[in-house]
């Protein structure tokens, strides 16, 4: 990632649907062009959050496993608000 996020959000301890709800609430408060990095964990959030954010018209800049996490399954999702 080349851009420094304006916001960060850790939803690794949340379960669906709260993973998306918390992400959506933060994105709604952001201004167009702002970037947020979201830490998430688990199959449901990993599938649902990026899909739902894209459906709302925002841009996924990256989705990668967190460095050094190995088998814990934590990923970093970087979103730009449209």
N, C-alpha and C. Protein backbone atom coordinates (compact mmCIF):
# COMPACT_ATOMS: atom_id res chain seq x y z
N UNK A 1 0.85 -1.18 0.00
CA UNK A 1 0.00 0.00 0.00
C UNK A 1 0.88 1.23 0.00
N UNK A 2 0.58 2.17 -0.85
CA UNK A 2 1.38 3.38 -0.96
C UNK A 2 0.78 4.55 -0.20
N UNK A 3 -0.48 4.48 0.13
CA UNK A 3 -1.14 5.58 0.82
C UNK A 3 -1.22 5.30 2.32
N UNK A 4 -1.02 6.35 3.12
CA UNK A 4 -1.17 6.22 4.56
C UNK A 4 -2.65 6.38 4.89
N UNK A 5 -3.22 5.41 5.59
CA UNK A 5 -4.65 5.50 5.92
C UNK A 5 -4.96 6.71 6.82
N UNK A 6 -6.12 7.30 6.60
CA UNK A 6 -6.60 8.37 7.46
C UNK A 6 -7.21 7.81 8.74
N UNK A 7 -7.68 6.56 8.66
CA UNK A 7 -8.36 5.91 9.79
C UNK A 7 -7.91 4.46 9.88
N UNK A 8 -8.09 3.89 11.05
CA UNK A 8 -7.89 2.45 11.21
C UNK A 8 -9.02 1.91 12.08
N UNK A 9 -9.37 0.67 11.82
CA UNK A 9 -10.47 0.02 12.54
C UNK A 9 -10.11 -1.44 12.74
N UNK A 10 -10.21 -1.90 13.98
CA UNK A 10 -9.94 -3.30 14.31
C UNK A 10 -11.26 -3.98 14.65
N UNK A 11 -11.70 -4.89 13.78
CA UNK A 11 -12.95 -5.61 14.02
C UNK A 11 -12.67 -7.11 14.20
N UNK A 12 -11.45 -7.44 14.61
CA UNK A 12 -11.07 -8.85 14.76
C UNK A 12 -11.85 -9.56 15.86
N UNK A 13 -12.37 -8.82 16.81
CA UNK A 13 -13.14 -9.44 17.91
C UNK A 13 -14.64 -9.37 17.70
N UNK A 14 -15.06 -8.87 16.54
CA UNK A 14 -16.49 -8.74 16.23
C UNK A 14 -16.96 -9.91 15.39
N UNK A 15 -18.27 -10.14 15.38
CA UNK A 15 -18.89 -11.16 14.53
C UNK A 15 -19.90 -10.50 13.61
N UNK A 16 -20.19 -11.16 12.50
CA UNK A 16 -21.18 -10.65 11.55
C UNK A 16 -22.54 -10.62 12.25
N UNK A 17 -23.35 -9.62 12.03
CA UNK A 17 -23.19 -8.53 11.07
C UNK A 17 -22.46 -7.31 11.62
N UNK A 18 -22.01 -7.34 12.87
CA UNK A 18 -21.36 -6.16 13.46
C UNK A 18 -20.07 -5.78 12.75
N UNK A 19 -19.40 -6.74 12.11
CA UNK A 19 -18.18 -6.41 11.38
C UNK A 19 -18.48 -5.39 10.29
N UNK A 20 -19.52 -5.65 9.52
CA UNK A 20 -19.88 -4.72 8.45
C UNK A 20 -20.49 -3.44 9.01
N UNK A 21 -21.33 -3.55 10.02
CA UNK A 21 -21.99 -2.37 10.60
C UNK A 21 -20.94 -1.37 11.08
N UNK A 22 -19.95 -1.83 11.83
CA UNK A 22 -18.92 -0.92 12.34
C UNK A 22 -18.10 -0.32 11.21
N UNK A 23 -17.80 -1.12 10.19
CA UNK A 23 -17.05 -0.61 9.04
C UNK A 23 -17.87 0.44 8.31
N UNK A 24 -19.14 0.15 8.06
CA UNK A 24 -20.01 1.08 7.34
C UNK A 24 -20.18 2.39 8.10
N UNK A 25 -20.36 2.32 9.40
CA UNK A 25 -20.53 3.54 10.20
C UNK A 25 -19.30 4.43 10.12
N UNK A 26 -18.11 3.84 10.14
CA UNK A 26 -16.89 4.64 10.02
C UNK A 26 -16.78 5.24 8.63
N UNK A 27 -17.01 4.45 7.60
CA UNK A 27 -16.92 4.95 6.22
C UNK A 27 -17.91 6.09 6.00
N UNK A 28 -19.09 6.00 6.57
CA UNK A 28 -20.08 7.06 6.42
C UNK A 28 -19.61 8.39 7.02
N UNK A 29 -18.78 8.35 8.05
CA UNK A 29 -18.27 9.56 8.69
C UNK A 29 -17.07 10.16 7.94
N UNK A 30 -16.47 9.38 7.06
CA UNK A 30 -15.30 9.83 6.32
C UNK A 30 -15.71 10.75 5.17
N UNK A 31 -14.75 11.51 4.65
CA UNK A 31 -15.00 12.33 3.47
C UNK A 31 -14.48 11.61 2.24
N UNK A 32 -15.01 11.96 1.09
CA UNK A 32 -14.62 11.32 -0.16
C UNK A 32 -13.10 11.39 -0.34
N UNK A 33 -12.51 10.25 -0.68
CA UNK A 33 -11.07 10.16 -0.88
C UNK A 33 -10.31 9.67 0.34
N UNK A 34 -10.93 9.72 1.53
CA UNK A 34 -10.26 9.20 2.73
C UNK A 34 -10.05 7.70 2.61
N UNK A 35 -9.03 7.23 3.32
CA UNK A 35 -8.67 5.81 3.30
C UNK A 35 -8.72 5.26 4.71
N UNK A 36 -9.27 4.06 4.86
CA UNK A 36 -9.31 3.37 6.15
C UNK A 36 -8.70 1.98 5.98
N UNK A 37 -7.93 1.59 6.99
CA UNK A 37 -7.40 0.23 7.04
C UNK A 37 -8.17 -0.53 8.12
N UNK A 38 -8.78 -1.64 7.72
CA UNK A 38 -9.61 -2.44 8.62
C UNK A 38 -8.92 -3.78 8.86
N UNK A 39 -8.73 -4.11 10.14
CA UNK A 39 -8.22 -5.44 10.50
C UNK A 39 -9.43 -6.32 10.75
N UNK A 40 -9.48 -7.46 10.06
CA UNK A 40 -10.61 -8.37 10.22
C UNK A 40 -10.13 -9.81 10.28
N UNK A 41 -11.00 -10.66 10.81
CA UNK A 41 -10.63 -12.06 11.02
C UNK A 41 -11.86 -12.94 10.83
N UNK A 42 -11.68 -14.05 10.14
CA UNK A 42 -12.75 -15.01 9.96
C UNK A 42 -13.30 -15.01 8.55
N UNK A 43 -13.85 -16.15 8.16
CA UNK A 43 -14.33 -16.32 6.79
C UNK A 43 -15.49 -15.39 6.46
N UNK A 44 -16.46 -15.25 7.37
CA UNK A 44 -17.61 -14.39 7.08
C UNK A 44 -17.22 -12.93 6.88
N UNK A 45 -16.49 -12.32 7.82
CA UNK A 45 -16.08 -10.93 7.60
C UNK A 45 -15.19 -10.77 6.36
N UNK A 46 -14.33 -11.72 6.12
CA UNK A 46 -13.43 -11.66 4.98
C UNK A 46 -14.19 -11.66 3.66
N UNK A 47 -15.32 -12.35 3.60
CA UNK A 47 -16.14 -12.36 2.40
C UNK A 47 -17.15 -11.24 2.36
N UNK A 48 -17.80 -10.99 3.49
CA UNK A 48 -18.92 -10.04 3.53
C UNK A 48 -18.52 -8.57 3.52
N UNK A 49 -17.51 -8.21 4.30
CA UNK A 49 -17.17 -6.78 4.41
C UNK A 49 -16.68 -6.22 3.07
N UNK A 50 -15.70 -6.84 2.41
CA UNK A 50 -15.27 -6.28 1.12
C UNK A 50 -16.40 -6.25 0.08
N UNK A 51 -17.20 -7.30 0.02
CA UNK A 51 -18.30 -7.34 -0.94
C UNK A 51 -19.30 -6.22 -0.67
N UNK A 52 -19.68 -6.04 0.57
CA UNK A 52 -20.67 -5.02 0.93
C UNK A 52 -20.13 -3.61 0.69
N UNK A 53 -18.86 -3.38 1.00
CA UNK A 53 -18.25 -2.07 0.77
C UNK A 53 -18.23 -1.75 -0.73
N UNK A 54 -17.90 -2.75 -1.54
CA UNK A 54 -17.89 -2.57 -3.00
C UNK A 54 -19.30 -2.28 -3.51
N UNK A 55 -20.29 -2.99 -2.97
CA UNK A 55 -21.68 -2.76 -3.38
C UNK A 55 -22.13 -1.33 -3.06
N UNK A 56 -21.56 -0.73 -2.03
CA UNK A 56 -21.89 0.65 -1.67
C UNK A 56 -21.15 1.66 -2.55
N UNK A 57 -20.26 1.16 -3.42
CA UNK A 57 -19.57 2.04 -4.36
C UNK A 57 -18.19 2.49 -3.95
N UNK A 58 -17.68 1.97 -2.85
CA UNK A 58 -16.35 2.36 -2.40
C UNK A 58 -15.30 1.45 -3.03
N UNK A 59 -14.05 1.86 -2.95
CA UNK A 59 -12.97 1.15 -3.63
C UNK A 59 -12.13 0.35 -2.65
N UNK A 60 -11.90 -0.93 -2.98
CA UNK A 60 -10.99 -1.77 -2.21
C UNK A 60 -9.60 -1.56 -2.80
N UNK A 61 -8.69 -1.01 -2.00
CA UNK A 61 -7.32 -0.79 -2.46
C UNK A 61 -6.47 -2.04 -2.29
N UNK A 62 -6.70 -2.78 -1.20
CA UNK A 62 -5.96 -4.03 -0.99
C UNK A 62 -6.66 -4.86 0.08
N UNK A 63 -6.38 -6.15 0.02
CA UNK A 63 -6.84 -7.11 1.02
C UNK A 63 -5.76 -8.16 1.12
N UNK A 64 -5.02 -8.13 2.23
CA UNK A 64 -3.86 -9.02 2.38
C UNK A 64 -3.81 -9.57 3.79
N UNK A 65 -3.25 -10.79 3.92
CA UNK A 65 -3.01 -11.32 5.26
C UNK A 65 -2.05 -10.40 6.00
N UNK A 66 -2.27 -10.26 7.29
CA UNK A 66 -1.39 -9.43 8.10
C UNK A 66 -0.03 -10.10 8.22
N UNK A 67 1.01 -9.35 8.02
CA UNK A 67 2.37 -9.89 8.07
C UNK A 67 2.65 -10.53 9.42
N UNK A 68 3.21 -11.73 9.38
CA UNK A 68 3.60 -12.42 10.60
C UNK A 68 2.48 -13.11 11.34
N UNK A 69 1.28 -13.06 10.80
CA UNK A 69 0.15 -13.65 11.51
C UNK A 69 0.00 -15.14 11.27
N UNK A 70 0.56 -15.64 10.18
CA UNK A 70 0.51 -17.08 9.93
C UNK A 70 -0.89 -17.63 9.89
N UNK A 71 -1.22 -18.48 10.83
CA UNK A 71 -2.49 -19.19 10.81
C UNK A 71 -3.60 -18.50 11.60
N UNK A 72 -3.38 -17.30 12.12
CA UNK A 72 -4.43 -16.65 12.92
C UNK A 72 -5.53 -16.10 12.04
N UNK A 73 -5.26 -15.90 10.77
CA UNK A 73 -6.31 -15.48 9.85
C UNK A 73 -6.66 -14.02 9.84
N UNK A 74 -5.84 -13.17 10.45
CA UNK A 74 -6.12 -11.74 10.43
C UNK A 74 -5.67 -11.16 9.09
N UNK A 75 -6.56 -10.36 8.50
CA UNK A 75 -6.28 -9.70 7.23
C UNK A 75 -6.41 -8.20 7.40
N UNK A 76 -5.78 -7.46 6.49
CA UNK A 76 -5.89 -6.00 6.46
C UNK A 76 -6.58 -5.61 5.16
N UNK A 77 -7.70 -4.94 5.32
CA UNK A 77 -8.51 -4.48 4.20
C UNK A 77 -8.37 -2.96 4.13
N UNK A 78 -7.96 -2.45 2.97
CA UNK A 78 -7.80 -1.01 2.80
C UNK A 78 -8.85 -0.51 1.83
N UNK A 79 -9.63 0.47 2.29
CA UNK A 79 -10.78 0.99 1.57
C UNK A 79 -10.61 2.48 1.32
N UNK A 80 -10.98 2.93 0.10
CA UNK A 80 -11.06 4.37 -0.18
C UNK A 80 -12.53 4.73 -0.37
N UNK A 81 -12.96 5.74 0.38
CA UNK A 81 -14.35 6.19 0.24
C UNK A 81 -14.51 6.96 -1.06
N UNK A 82 -15.58 6.65 -1.78
CA UNK A 82 -15.91 7.38 -3.02
C UNK A 82 -16.74 8.59 -2.72
